[in-house]
C-alpha cells in the first residue's frame, strides 16, 4: 500500500505543471541586536520570516524577531535562549524589492531592500520584580540584504535592518506619528527554503 502511494505521488509530481516564476520563501534566522536602546552591547536575537517574491522585483514578507534580555547589560548570563523578563519582540509586514541575478531557479543571488511597519512589543522588569512595564507600540523597519541560492530550494540569507518605534500615546485619543525614542539595529543570517 505504501509503495502504491509513493508511486502515485511521484507520478503526480512528474505530471504537475511547471512552477510559476514566483517564489515562497521561509527563513529561520539568528543574529544580534545592537545600537540604539540595546544597552551598549550586542544581544542575541532570533526569529523567522515568510514571504513571497514575484517574477519581477517586488515581493512581501512577514518578519518575526525576538531579542531576550534586550535592556539588560549582564554578559555573564549562561542561559543561551533566555526568554527573560526584559525583551523586545517585533512583528513586521514588509515590502521587498530585489533583483534576481542568475534567475529564479538553481543557483543565483538576489540583493534586496526591505521596509515596512508593524508591532514593537517591549517588556522591562527589574531583577526584584518590583516593576513590570509592557509596551505595544507601532514601529517601522528599513534595511537591506541578500539571498544566495545553491539549488532550486535551499539558500542563505544575510540581512541588516534598523527598527524605530513611534512616539508614546499622548493620552488624547489621537494617533501619535512622531518617531519615538525606541530604536536599534538587527543583523541576522539564516537558511532560506524556497518553493
N, C-alpha and C. Protein backbone atom coordinates (compact mmCIF):
# COMPACT_ATOMS: atom_id res chain seq x y z
N UNK A 1 0.82 -1.19 0.00
CA UNK A 1 0.00 0.00 0.00
C UNK A 1 0.87 1.27 0.00
N UNK A 2 1.92 1.25 0.83
CA UNK A 2 2.81 2.41 0.92
C UNK A 2 3.54 2.65 -0.41
N UNK A 3 3.93 1.57 -1.08
CA UNK A 3 4.60 1.70 -2.38
C UNK A 3 3.67 2.32 -3.41
N UNK A 4 2.38 1.93 -3.39
CA UNK A 4 1.41 2.49 -4.34
C UNK A 4 1.25 3.99 -4.13
N UNK A 5 1.17 4.39 -2.87
CA UNK A 5 1.03 5.82 -2.56
C UNK A 5 2.26 6.58 -3.02
N UNK A 6 3.46 6.04 -2.78
CA UNK A 6 4.70 6.69 -3.21
C UNK A 6 4.76 6.80 -4.72
N UNK A 7 4.36 5.76 -5.45
CA UNK A 7 4.37 5.80 -6.91
C UNK A 7 3.38 6.83 -7.43
N UNK A 8 2.17 6.88 -6.84
CA UNK A 8 1.17 7.85 -7.28
C UNK A 8 1.64 9.28 -6.98
N UNK A 9 2.28 9.50 -5.84
CA UNK A 9 2.79 10.83 -5.51
C UNK A 9 3.89 11.24 -6.48
N UNK A 10 4.79 10.31 -6.81
CA UNK A 10 5.86 10.62 -7.76
C UNK A 10 5.30 10.91 -9.14
N UNK A 11 4.29 10.16 -9.56
CA UNK A 11 3.67 10.39 -10.87
C UNK A 11 2.96 11.74 -10.89
N UNK A 12 2.24 12.08 -9.82
CA UNK A 12 1.57 13.38 -9.76
C UNK A 12 2.56 14.53 -9.80
N UNK A 13 3.69 14.38 -9.12
CA UNK A 13 4.73 15.41 -9.14
C UNK A 13 5.32 15.56 -10.53
N UNK A 14 5.58 14.44 -11.19
CA UNK A 14 6.17 14.48 -12.54
C UNK A 14 5.23 15.09 -13.57
N UNK A 15 3.93 14.87 -13.42
CA UNK A 15 2.96 15.37 -14.38
C UNK A 15 2.42 16.75 -14.04
N UNK A 16 2.78 17.29 -12.89
CA UNK A 16 2.28 18.61 -12.50
C UNK A 16 2.89 19.67 -13.40
N UNK A 17 2.17 20.77 -13.63
CA UNK A 17 2.71 21.82 -14.48
C UNK A 17 3.95 22.45 -13.87
N UNK A 18 4.77 23.04 -14.72
CA UNK A 18 5.99 23.70 -14.24
C UNK A 18 5.62 24.82 -13.29
N UNK A 19 6.47 25.03 -12.32
CA UNK A 19 6.22 26.06 -11.32
C UNK A 19 6.20 27.44 -11.97
N UNK A 20 5.31 28.26 -11.50
CA UNK A 20 5.26 29.64 -11.98
C UNK A 20 6.53 30.35 -11.51
N UNK A 21 6.83 31.45 -12.16
CA UNK A 21 8.02 32.20 -11.78
C UNK A 21 7.72 33.11 -10.59
N UNK A 22 7.44 32.46 -9.50
CA UNK A 22 7.23 33.16 -8.23
C UNK A 22 7.70 32.23 -7.13
N UNK A 23 8.20 32.80 -6.06
CA UNK A 23 8.81 32.01 -5.01
C UNK A 23 8.21 32.34 -3.65
N UNK A 24 7.88 31.29 -2.91
CA UNK A 24 7.62 31.42 -1.49
C UNK A 24 8.95 31.21 -0.78
N UNK A 25 9.22 32.01 0.23
CA UNK A 25 10.50 31.98 0.93
C UNK A 25 10.25 31.88 2.43
N UNK A 26 10.92 30.93 3.09
CA UNK A 26 10.84 30.80 4.54
C UNK A 26 12.26 30.78 5.09
N UNK A 27 12.56 31.68 6.04
CA UNK A 27 13.91 31.80 6.59
C UNK A 27 13.89 31.87 8.11
N UNK A 28 14.25 30.79 8.81
CA UNK A 28 14.56 30.92 10.23
C UNK A 28 15.92 31.61 10.35
N UNK A 29 16.09 32.50 11.34
CA UNK A 29 17.33 33.26 11.40
C UNK A 29 17.81 33.45 12.83
N UNK A 30 19.07 33.84 12.94
CA UNK A 30 19.69 34.14 14.23
C UNK A 30 20.69 35.26 13.99
N UNK A 31 20.90 36.09 15.00
CA UNK A 31 21.83 37.19 14.83
C UNK A 31 21.95 38.01 16.09
N UNK A 32 22.10 39.33 15.90
CA UNK A 32 22.30 40.20 17.04
C UNK A 32 21.56 41.51 16.88
N UNK A 33 21.08 42.02 18.01
CA UNK A 33 20.51 43.36 18.07
C UNK A 33 21.53 44.27 18.73
N UNK A 34 21.73 45.46 18.19
CA UNK A 34 22.77 46.34 18.70
C UNK A 34 22.42 47.80 18.42
N UNK A 35 23.19 48.70 19.04
CA UNK A 35 22.99 50.13 18.84
C UNK A 35 21.71 50.62 19.48
N UNK A 36 21.49 51.90 19.43
CA UNK A 36 20.25 52.48 19.96
C UNK A 36 20.01 52.11 21.41
N UNK A 37 18.85 51.50 21.66
CA UNK A 37 18.45 51.14 23.02
C UNK A 37 18.95 49.77 23.46
N UNK A 38 19.89 49.19 22.76
CA UNK A 38 20.37 47.83 23.07
C UNK A 38 21.39 47.81 24.19
N UNK A 39 21.36 48.75 25.09
CA UNK A 39 22.20 48.80 26.30
C UNK A 39 23.70 48.79 26.02
N UNK A 40 24.10 49.32 24.88
CA UNK A 40 25.52 49.45 24.60
C UNK A 40 26.25 48.17 24.25
N UNK A 41 25.55 47.07 24.02
CA UNK A 41 26.22 45.83 23.63
C UNK A 41 25.31 45.04 22.70
N UNK A 42 25.87 44.03 22.08
CA UNK A 42 25.09 43.19 21.17
C UNK A 42 24.27 42.17 21.95
N UNK A 43 23.05 41.91 21.50
CA UNK A 43 22.15 40.96 22.15
C UNK A 43 21.73 39.91 21.14
N UNK A 44 21.70 38.65 21.57
CA UNK A 44 21.22 37.57 20.73
C UNK A 44 19.79 37.86 20.29
N UNK A 45 19.51 37.63 19.02
CA UNK A 45 18.15 37.75 18.51
C UNK A 45 17.89 36.57 17.58
N UNK A 46 16.66 36.11 17.56
CA UNK A 46 16.30 35.02 16.66
C UNK A 46 14.86 35.18 16.24
N UNK A 47 14.50 34.53 15.13
CA UNK A 47 13.15 34.64 14.61
C UNK A 47 13.01 33.95 13.28
N UNK A 48 12.05 34.40 12.48
CA UNK A 48 11.80 33.79 11.18
C UNK A 48 11.02 34.78 10.33
N UNK A 49 11.13 34.59 9.02
CA UNK A 49 10.31 35.37 8.09
C UNK A 49 9.75 34.44 7.04
N UNK A 50 8.57 34.77 6.57
CA UNK A 50 7.97 34.06 5.45
C UNK A 50 7.50 35.12 4.48
N UNK A 51 7.75 34.88 3.20
CA UNK A 51 7.38 35.88 2.22
C UNK A 51 7.24 35.30 0.83
N UNK A 52 6.99 36.19 -0.10
CA UNK A 52 6.76 35.82 -1.49
C UNK A 52 7.43 36.84 -2.39
N UNK A 53 8.15 36.34 -3.38
CA UNK A 53 8.75 37.21 -4.40
C UNK A 53 8.19 36.81 -5.75
N UNK A 54 7.72 37.78 -6.51
CA UNK A 54 7.18 37.52 -7.84
C UNK A 54 8.28 37.39 -8.87
N UNK A 55 7.86 37.20 -10.11
CA UNK A 55 8.82 37.07 -11.22
C UNK A 55 9.56 38.38 -11.45
N UNK A 56 8.96 39.48 -11.04
CA UNK A 56 9.62 40.77 -11.18
C UNK A 56 10.51 41.05 -9.99
N UNK A 57 10.45 42.26 -9.49
CA UNK A 57 11.35 42.66 -8.41
C UNK A 57 10.63 42.92 -7.09
N UNK A 58 9.30 42.86 -7.07
CA UNK A 58 8.52 43.22 -5.89
C UNK A 58 8.02 41.97 -5.17
N UNK A 59 8.06 42.01 -3.84
CA UNK A 59 7.52 40.93 -3.03
C UNK A 59 7.11 41.46 -1.67
N UNK A 60 6.74 40.57 -0.78
CA UNK A 60 6.34 40.95 0.58
C UNK A 60 6.81 39.88 1.54
N UNK A 61 6.82 40.23 2.83
CA UNK A 61 7.17 39.27 3.87
C UNK A 61 6.54 39.66 5.19
N UNK A 62 6.38 38.65 6.04
CA UNK A 62 6.04 38.85 7.45
C UNK A 62 7.27 38.42 8.23
N UNK A 63 7.77 39.29 9.09
CA UNK A 63 9.02 39.04 9.81
C UNK A 63 8.76 39.10 11.31
N UNK A 64 9.20 38.05 12.02
CA UNK A 64 9.07 37.96 13.47
C UNK A 64 10.46 37.87 14.07
N UNK A 65 10.76 38.72 15.05
CA UNK A 65 12.04 38.69 15.73
C UNK A 65 11.86 38.78 17.24
N UNK A 66 12.72 38.08 17.97
CA UNK A 66 12.66 38.10 19.44
C UNK A 66 14.07 38.30 19.98
N UNK A 67 14.23 39.28 20.85
CA UNK A 67 15.52 39.58 21.47
C UNK A 67 15.37 39.54 22.98
N UNK A 68 15.82 38.44 23.63
CA UNK A 68 15.74 38.36 25.09
C UNK A 68 16.80 39.25 25.74
N UNK A 69 16.54 39.67 26.96
CA UNK A 69 17.48 40.47 27.74
C UNK A 69 17.94 41.73 27.02
N UNK A 70 17.05 42.30 26.23
CA UNK A 70 17.39 43.46 25.41
C UNK A 70 17.85 44.65 26.23
N UNK A 71 17.22 44.89 27.37
CA UNK A 71 17.53 46.07 28.18
C UNK A 71 18.51 45.77 29.30
N UNK A 72 19.10 44.57 29.31
CA UNK A 72 20.00 44.18 30.38
C UNK A 72 21.44 44.21 29.91
N UNK A 73 22.35 44.52 30.80
CA UNK A 73 23.75 44.65 30.44
C UNK A 73 24.64 43.55 30.95
N UNK A 74 24.11 42.45 31.49
CA UNK A 74 24.91 41.38 32.07
C UNK A 74 25.39 40.42 31.00
N UNK A 75 26.70 40.39 30.74
CA UNK A 75 27.28 39.50 29.75
C UNK A 75 27.50 38.10 30.28
N UNK A 76 27.30 37.87 31.57
CA UNK A 76 27.63 36.59 32.19
C UNK A 76 26.44 35.65 32.30
N UNK A 77 25.32 35.95 31.69
CA UNK A 77 24.15 35.09 31.79
C UNK A 77 24.38 33.81 30.98
N UNK A 78 24.35 32.63 31.63
CA UNK A 78 24.64 31.39 30.93
C UNK A 78 23.46 30.85 30.13
N UNK A 79 22.27 31.45 30.23
CA UNK A 79 21.09 30.93 29.55
C UNK A 79 21.09 31.45 28.11
N UNK A 80 21.45 30.59 27.14
CA UNK A 80 21.64 30.99 25.74
C UNK A 80 20.36 31.53 25.11
N UNK A 81 19.24 30.84 25.25
CA UNK A 81 17.98 31.27 24.65
C UNK A 81 17.02 31.77 25.73
N UNK A 82 17.54 32.59 26.61
CA UNK A 82 16.75 33.10 27.72
C UNK A 82 15.49 33.80 27.21
N UNK A 83 14.37 33.38 27.70
CA UNK A 83 13.13 34.07 27.40
C UNK A 83 12.81 35.00 28.57
N UNK A 84 13.81 35.74 28.99
CA UNK A 84 13.80 36.51 30.22
C UNK A 84 12.78 37.61 30.28
N UNK A 85 12.92 38.41 31.34
CA UNK A 85 11.91 39.38 31.68
C UNK A 85 12.05 40.70 30.93
N UNK A 86 13.20 41.00 30.37
CA UNK A 86 13.39 42.22 29.60
C UNK A 86 13.67 41.83 28.16
N UNK A 87 12.72 42.08 27.28
CA UNK A 87 12.87 41.62 25.91
C UNK A 87 12.15 42.54 24.94
N UNK A 88 12.45 42.34 23.65
CA UNK A 88 11.78 43.06 22.58
C UNK A 88 11.34 42.03 21.54
N UNK A 89 10.09 42.12 21.14
CA UNK A 89 9.54 41.28 20.07
C UNK A 89 9.06 42.20 18.97
N UNK A 90 9.43 41.89 17.73
CA UNK A 90 8.96 42.67 16.58
C UNK A 90 8.18 41.75 15.65
N UNK A 91 7.08 42.26 15.11
CA UNK A 91 6.30 41.57 14.09
C UNK A 91 5.98 42.61 13.03
N UNK A 92 6.63 42.46 11.87
CA UNK A 92 6.54 43.48 10.83
C UNK A 92 6.00 42.90 9.52
N UNK A 93 5.21 43.68 8.83
CA UNK A 93 4.80 43.39 7.46
C UNK A 93 5.64 44.28 6.55
N UNK A 94 6.35 43.67 5.58
CA UNK A 94 7.32 44.42 4.79
C UNK A 94 7.13 44.24 3.29
N UNK A 95 7.60 45.21 2.55
CA UNK A 95 7.72 45.12 1.10
C UNK A 95 9.18 44.85 0.78
N UNK A 96 9.41 43.86 -0.09
CA UNK A 96 10.76 43.52 -0.56
C UNK A 96 10.91 44.00 -1.99
N UNK A 97 12.05 44.59 -2.30
CA UNK A 97 12.38 44.96 -3.68
C UNK A 97 13.75 44.37 -3.95
N UNK A 98 13.80 43.36 -4.85
CA UNK A 98 15.06 42.68 -5.11
C UNK A 98 15.14 42.17 -6.54
N UNK A 99 16.33 42.22 -7.09
CA UNK A 99 16.56 41.80 -8.48
C UNK A 99 17.23 40.44 -8.48
N UNK A 100 16.58 39.41 -9.10
CA UNK A 100 17.23 38.10 -9.16
C UNK A 100 18.37 38.10 -10.17
N UNK A 101 19.58 37.83 -9.69
CA UNK A 101 20.75 37.75 -10.57
C UNK A 101 21.03 36.26 -10.76
N UNK A 102 20.89 35.78 -11.97
CA UNK A 102 21.05 34.36 -12.23
C UNK A 102 19.73 33.63 -12.33
N UNK A 103 18.61 34.36 -12.32
CA UNK A 103 17.30 33.74 -12.46
C UNK A 103 16.69 33.33 -11.14
N UNK A 104 15.52 32.71 -11.23
CA UNK A 104 14.79 32.30 -10.05
C UNK A 104 14.83 30.80 -9.82
N UNK A 105 15.62 30.09 -10.58
CA UNK A 105 15.80 28.66 -10.36
C UNK A 105 17.29 28.37 -10.28
N UNK A 106 17.62 27.30 -9.57
CA UNK A 106 19.02 26.94 -9.43
C UNK A 106 19.78 27.96 -8.63
N UNK A 107 21.09 28.01 -8.86
CA UNK A 107 21.93 28.96 -8.16
C UNK A 107 21.68 30.38 -8.59
N UNK A 108 22.02 31.30 -7.73
CA UNK A 108 21.86 32.71 -8.04
C UNK A 108 21.78 33.53 -6.77
N UNK A 109 21.79 34.83 -6.92
CA UNK A 109 21.68 35.74 -5.78
C UNK A 109 20.55 36.73 -6.05
N UNK A 110 20.03 37.27 -4.98
CA UNK A 110 19.01 38.32 -5.08
C UNK A 110 19.27 39.34 -4.00
N UNK A 111 20.01 40.43 -4.31
CA UNK A 111 20.13 41.53 -3.36
C UNK A 111 18.78 42.24 -3.26
N UNK A 112 18.49 42.79 -2.09
CA UNK A 112 17.18 43.42 -1.90
C UNK A 112 17.27 44.56 -0.90
N UNK A 113 16.27 45.41 -0.94
CA UNK A 113 15.99 46.39 0.11
C UNK A 113 14.62 46.04 0.66
N UNK A 114 14.39 46.38 1.91
CA UNK A 114 13.16 46.00 2.59
C UNK A 114 12.71 47.13 3.49
N UNK A 115 11.41 47.26 3.64
CA UNK A 115 10.87 48.26 4.55
C UNK A 115 9.42 47.96 4.86
N UNK A 116 9.00 48.34 6.04
CA UNK A 116 7.62 48.11 6.41
C UNK A 116 7.32 48.60 7.81
N UNK A 117 6.19 48.14 8.33
CA UNK A 117 5.72 48.60 9.63
C UNK A 117 5.02 47.46 10.36
N UNK A 118 4.86 47.65 11.66
CA UNK A 118 4.17 46.64 12.45
C UNK A 118 4.29 46.90 13.94
N UNK A 119 4.32 45.81 14.70
CA UNK A 119 4.30 45.85 16.16
C UNK A 119 5.71 45.77 16.73
N UNK A 120 6.00 46.63 17.69
CA UNK A 120 7.22 46.53 18.50
C UNK A 120 6.76 46.39 19.95
N UNK A 121 6.92 45.19 20.50
CA UNK A 121 6.50 44.93 21.88
C UNK A 121 7.74 44.86 22.75
N UNK A 122 7.78 45.68 23.78
CA UNK A 122 8.92 45.66 24.70
C UNK A 122 8.41 45.38 26.11
N UNK A 123 9.23 44.64 26.84
CA UNK A 123 8.90 44.33 28.24
C UNK A 123 10.15 44.58 29.07
N UNK A 124 9.97 45.30 30.16
CA UNK A 124 11.06 45.59 31.08
C UNK A 124 10.59 45.24 32.49
N UNK A 125 11.38 44.41 33.18
CA UNK A 125 11.09 44.09 34.57
C UNK A 125 12.40 44.14 35.33
N UNK A 126 12.40 44.75 36.50
CA UNK A 126 13.64 44.81 37.28
C UNK A 126 13.93 43.45 37.90
N UNK A 127 15.15 43.27 38.38
CA UNK A 127 15.60 41.98 38.90
C UNK A 127 14.77 41.50 40.08
N UNK A 128 14.25 42.41 40.88
CA UNK A 128 13.47 42.03 42.04
C UNK A 128 11.98 41.90 41.73
N UNK A 129 11.58 42.19 40.50
CA UNK A 129 10.17 42.08 40.13
C UNK A 129 9.29 43.16 40.74
N UNK A 130 9.90 44.28 41.14
CA UNK A 130 9.12 45.35 41.76
C UNK A 130 8.32 46.14 40.73
N UNK A 131 8.83 46.23 39.53
CA UNK A 131 8.06 46.89 38.49
C UNK A 131 8.13 46.07 37.21
N UNK A 132 7.08 46.19 36.41
CA UNK A 132 6.95 45.45 35.16
C UNK A 132 6.25 46.37 34.17
N UNK A 133 6.93 46.68 33.07
CA UNK A 133 6.37 47.58 32.07
C UNK A 133 6.27 46.84 30.75
N UNK A 134 5.07 46.77 30.20
CA UNK A 134 4.84 46.19 28.87
C UNK A 134 4.37 47.28 27.94
N UNK A 135 5.00 47.41 26.78
CA UNK A 135 4.58 48.38 25.78
C UNK A 135 4.33 47.68 24.46
N UNK A 136 3.22 48.00 23.83
CA UNK A 136 2.92 47.57 22.47
C UNK A 136 2.87 48.84 21.63
N UNK A 137 3.88 49.04 20.81
CA UNK A 137 3.98 50.26 20.02
C UNK A 137 4.00 49.94 18.54
N UNK A 138 3.56 50.90 17.75
CA UNK A 138 3.66 50.83 16.30
C UNK A 138 5.10 51.19 15.95
N UNK A 139 5.70 50.48 15.01
CA UNK A 139 7.07 50.76 14.63
C UNK A 139 7.31 50.54 13.15
N UNK A 140 8.47 50.93 12.71
CA UNK A 140 8.88 50.76 11.30
C UNK A 140 10.24 50.06 11.27
N UNK A 141 10.57 49.50 10.11
CA UNK A 141 11.89 48.94 9.89
C UNK A 141 12.28 49.13 8.44
N UNK A 142 13.58 49.39 8.22
CA UNK A 142 14.14 49.51 6.87
C UNK A 142 15.48 48.79 6.86
N UNK A 143 15.85 48.25 5.72
CA UNK A 143 17.13 47.56 5.66
C UNK A 143 17.45 47.04 4.29
N UNK A 144 18.46 46.19 4.25
CA UNK A 144 18.92 45.59 3.00
C UNK A 144 19.54 44.24 3.31
N UNK A 145 19.67 43.43 2.28
CA UNK A 145 20.27 42.13 2.46
C UNK A 145 20.45 41.42 1.14
N UNK A 146 20.75 40.13 1.22
CA UNK A 146 20.95 39.34 0.01
C UNK A 146 20.55 37.90 0.28
N UNK A 147 19.85 37.32 -0.70
CA UNK A 147 19.60 35.89 -0.74
C UNK A 147 20.66 35.28 -1.65
N UNK A 148 21.20 34.13 -1.29
CA UNK A 148 22.12 33.38 -2.15
C UNK A 148 21.67 31.94 -2.20
N UNK A 149 21.35 31.45 -3.40
CA UNK A 149 20.83 30.09 -3.55
C UNK A 149 21.85 29.20 -4.24
N UNK A 150 22.00 27.97 -3.70
CA UNK A 150 22.86 26.97 -4.33
C UNK A 150 22.03 26.00 -5.17
N UNK A 151 20.76 25.81 -4.81
CA UNK A 151 19.87 24.91 -5.52
C UNK A 151 18.54 25.62 -5.73
N UNK A 152 17.59 24.90 -6.32
CA UNK A 152 16.25 25.46 -6.51
C UNK A 152 15.57 25.78 -5.19
N UNK A 153 15.87 25.01 -4.16
CA UNK A 153 15.07 25.10 -2.94
C UNK A 153 15.80 25.54 -1.68
N UNK A 154 17.11 25.61 -1.67
CA UNK A 154 17.84 25.94 -0.44
C UNK A 154 18.88 27.01 -0.72
N UNK A 155 18.95 27.98 0.19
CA UNK A 155 19.94 29.03 0.08
C UNK A 155 20.20 29.66 1.43
N UNK A 156 20.90 30.78 1.42
CA UNK A 156 21.22 31.51 2.64
C UNK A 156 20.75 32.95 2.49
N UNK A 157 20.57 33.60 3.65
CA UNK A 157 20.14 35.00 3.65
C UNK A 157 20.91 35.75 4.71
N UNK A 158 21.41 36.92 4.34
CA UNK A 158 22.01 37.85 5.27
C UNK A 158 21.22 39.14 5.23
N UNK A 159 21.00 39.77 6.40
CA UNK A 159 20.06 40.87 6.48
C UNK A 159 20.51 41.85 7.57
N UNK A 160 20.42 43.14 7.30
CA UNK A 160 20.70 44.20 8.27
C UNK A 160 19.54 45.18 8.23
N UNK A 161 18.93 45.43 9.42
CA UNK A 161 17.76 46.31 9.48
C UNK A 161 17.85 47.29 10.65
N UNK A 162 17.19 48.42 10.46
CA UNK A 162 17.04 49.43 11.50
C UNK A 162 15.57 49.46 11.92
N UNK A 163 15.31 49.39 13.23
CA UNK A 163 13.96 49.42 13.78
C UNK A 163 13.78 50.69 14.59
N UNK A 164 12.59 51.30 14.45
CA UNK A 164 12.29 52.53 15.20
C UNK A 164 10.83 52.55 15.58
N UNK A 165 10.55 52.83 16.85
CA UNK A 165 9.18 52.92 17.32
C UNK A 165 8.64 54.33 17.13
N UNK A 166 7.33 54.43 17.14
CA UNK A 166 6.69 55.74 17.12
C UNK A 166 6.49 56.23 18.53
N UNK A 167 6.14 57.51 18.68
CA UNK A 167 6.05 58.16 19.98
C UNK A 167 5.05 57.53 20.92
N UNK A 168 5.16 57.89 22.18
CA UNK A 168 4.25 57.42 23.23
C UNK A 168 2.86 57.99 23.01
N UNK A 169 1.87 57.27 23.49
CA UNK A 169 0.49 57.74 23.45
C UNK A 169 0.38 59.00 24.30
N UNK A 170 -0.17 60.05 23.72
CA UNK A 170 -0.27 61.32 24.43
C UNK A 170 -1.49 61.40 25.33
N UNK A 171 -2.33 60.36 25.31
CA UNK A 171 -3.49 60.34 26.20
C UNK A 171 -4.68 61.13 25.69
N UNK A 172 -4.61 61.70 24.50
CA UNK A 172 -5.72 62.49 23.99
C UNK A 172 -6.48 61.77 22.88
N UNK A 173 -6.38 60.44 22.85
CA UNK A 173 -7.08 59.59 21.89
C UNK A 173 -6.74 59.93 20.44
N UNK A 174 -5.58 60.48 20.21
CA UNK A 174 -5.11 60.74 18.86
C UNK A 174 -3.90 59.87 18.58
N UNK A 175 -3.74 59.51 17.34
CA UNK A 175 -2.59 58.71 16.95
C UNK A 175 -1.37 59.61 16.84
N UNK A 176 -0.31 59.22 17.53
CA UNK A 176 0.93 60.00 17.51
C UNK A 176 1.88 59.38 16.48
N UNK A 177 2.16 60.08 15.41
CA UNK A 177 3.02 59.56 14.36
C UNK A 177 4.43 60.14 14.42
N UNK A 178 4.78 60.73 15.55
CA UNK A 178 6.16 61.20 15.73
C UNK A 178 7.04 60.01 16.04
N UNK A 179 8.28 60.03 15.52
CA UNK A 179 9.21 58.97 15.84
C UNK A 179 9.54 59.00 17.33
N UNK A 180 9.57 57.83 17.95
CA UNK A 180 9.84 57.73 19.38
C UNK A 180 11.31 57.52 19.66
N UNK A 181 11.61 57.27 20.92
CA UNK A 181 13.00 57.08 21.35
C UNK A 181 13.49 55.65 21.16
N UNK A 182 12.58 54.67 21.07
CA UNK A 182 12.97 53.27 20.97
C UNK A 182 13.52 52.97 19.57
N UNK A 183 14.80 52.57 19.49
CA UNK A 183 15.38 52.20 18.21
C UNK A 183 16.55 51.25 18.42
N UNK A 184 16.85 50.46 17.39
CA UNK A 184 18.00 49.55 17.43
C UNK A 184 18.23 48.99 16.03
N UNK A 185 19.38 48.39 15.85
CA UNK A 185 19.75 47.70 14.61
C UNK A 185 19.69 46.20 14.86
N UNK A 186 19.42 45.44 13.80
CA UNK A 186 19.42 43.98 13.90
C UNK A 186 20.10 43.40 12.67
N UNK A 187 21.11 42.56 12.90
CA UNK A 187 21.77 41.83 11.83
C UNK A 187 21.50 40.35 12.01
N UNK A 188 21.07 39.66 10.94
CA UNK A 188 20.78 38.23 11.05
C UNK A 188 21.31 37.47 9.84
N UNK A 189 21.48 36.17 10.04
CA UNK A 189 21.77 35.23 8.96
C UNK A 189 20.83 34.05 9.13
N UNK A 190 20.52 33.37 8.02
CA UNK A 190 19.62 32.23 8.12
C UNK A 190 19.66 31.38 6.87
N UNK A 191 19.07 30.22 6.97
CA UNK A 191 18.90 29.31 5.84
C UNK A 191 17.53 29.58 5.25
N UNK A 192 17.46 29.77 3.93
CA UNK A 192 16.20 30.07 3.26
C UNK A 192 15.74 28.85 2.48
N UNK A 193 14.46 28.54 2.66
CA UNK A 193 13.83 27.46 1.91
C UNK A 193 12.89 28.09 0.88
N UNK A 194 13.03 27.71 -0.38
CA UNK A 194 12.27 28.33 -1.48
C UNK A 194 11.45 27.25 -2.16
N UNK A 195 10.17 27.59 -2.41
CA UNK A 195 9.34 26.67 -3.19
C UNK A 195 8.35 27.45 -4.03
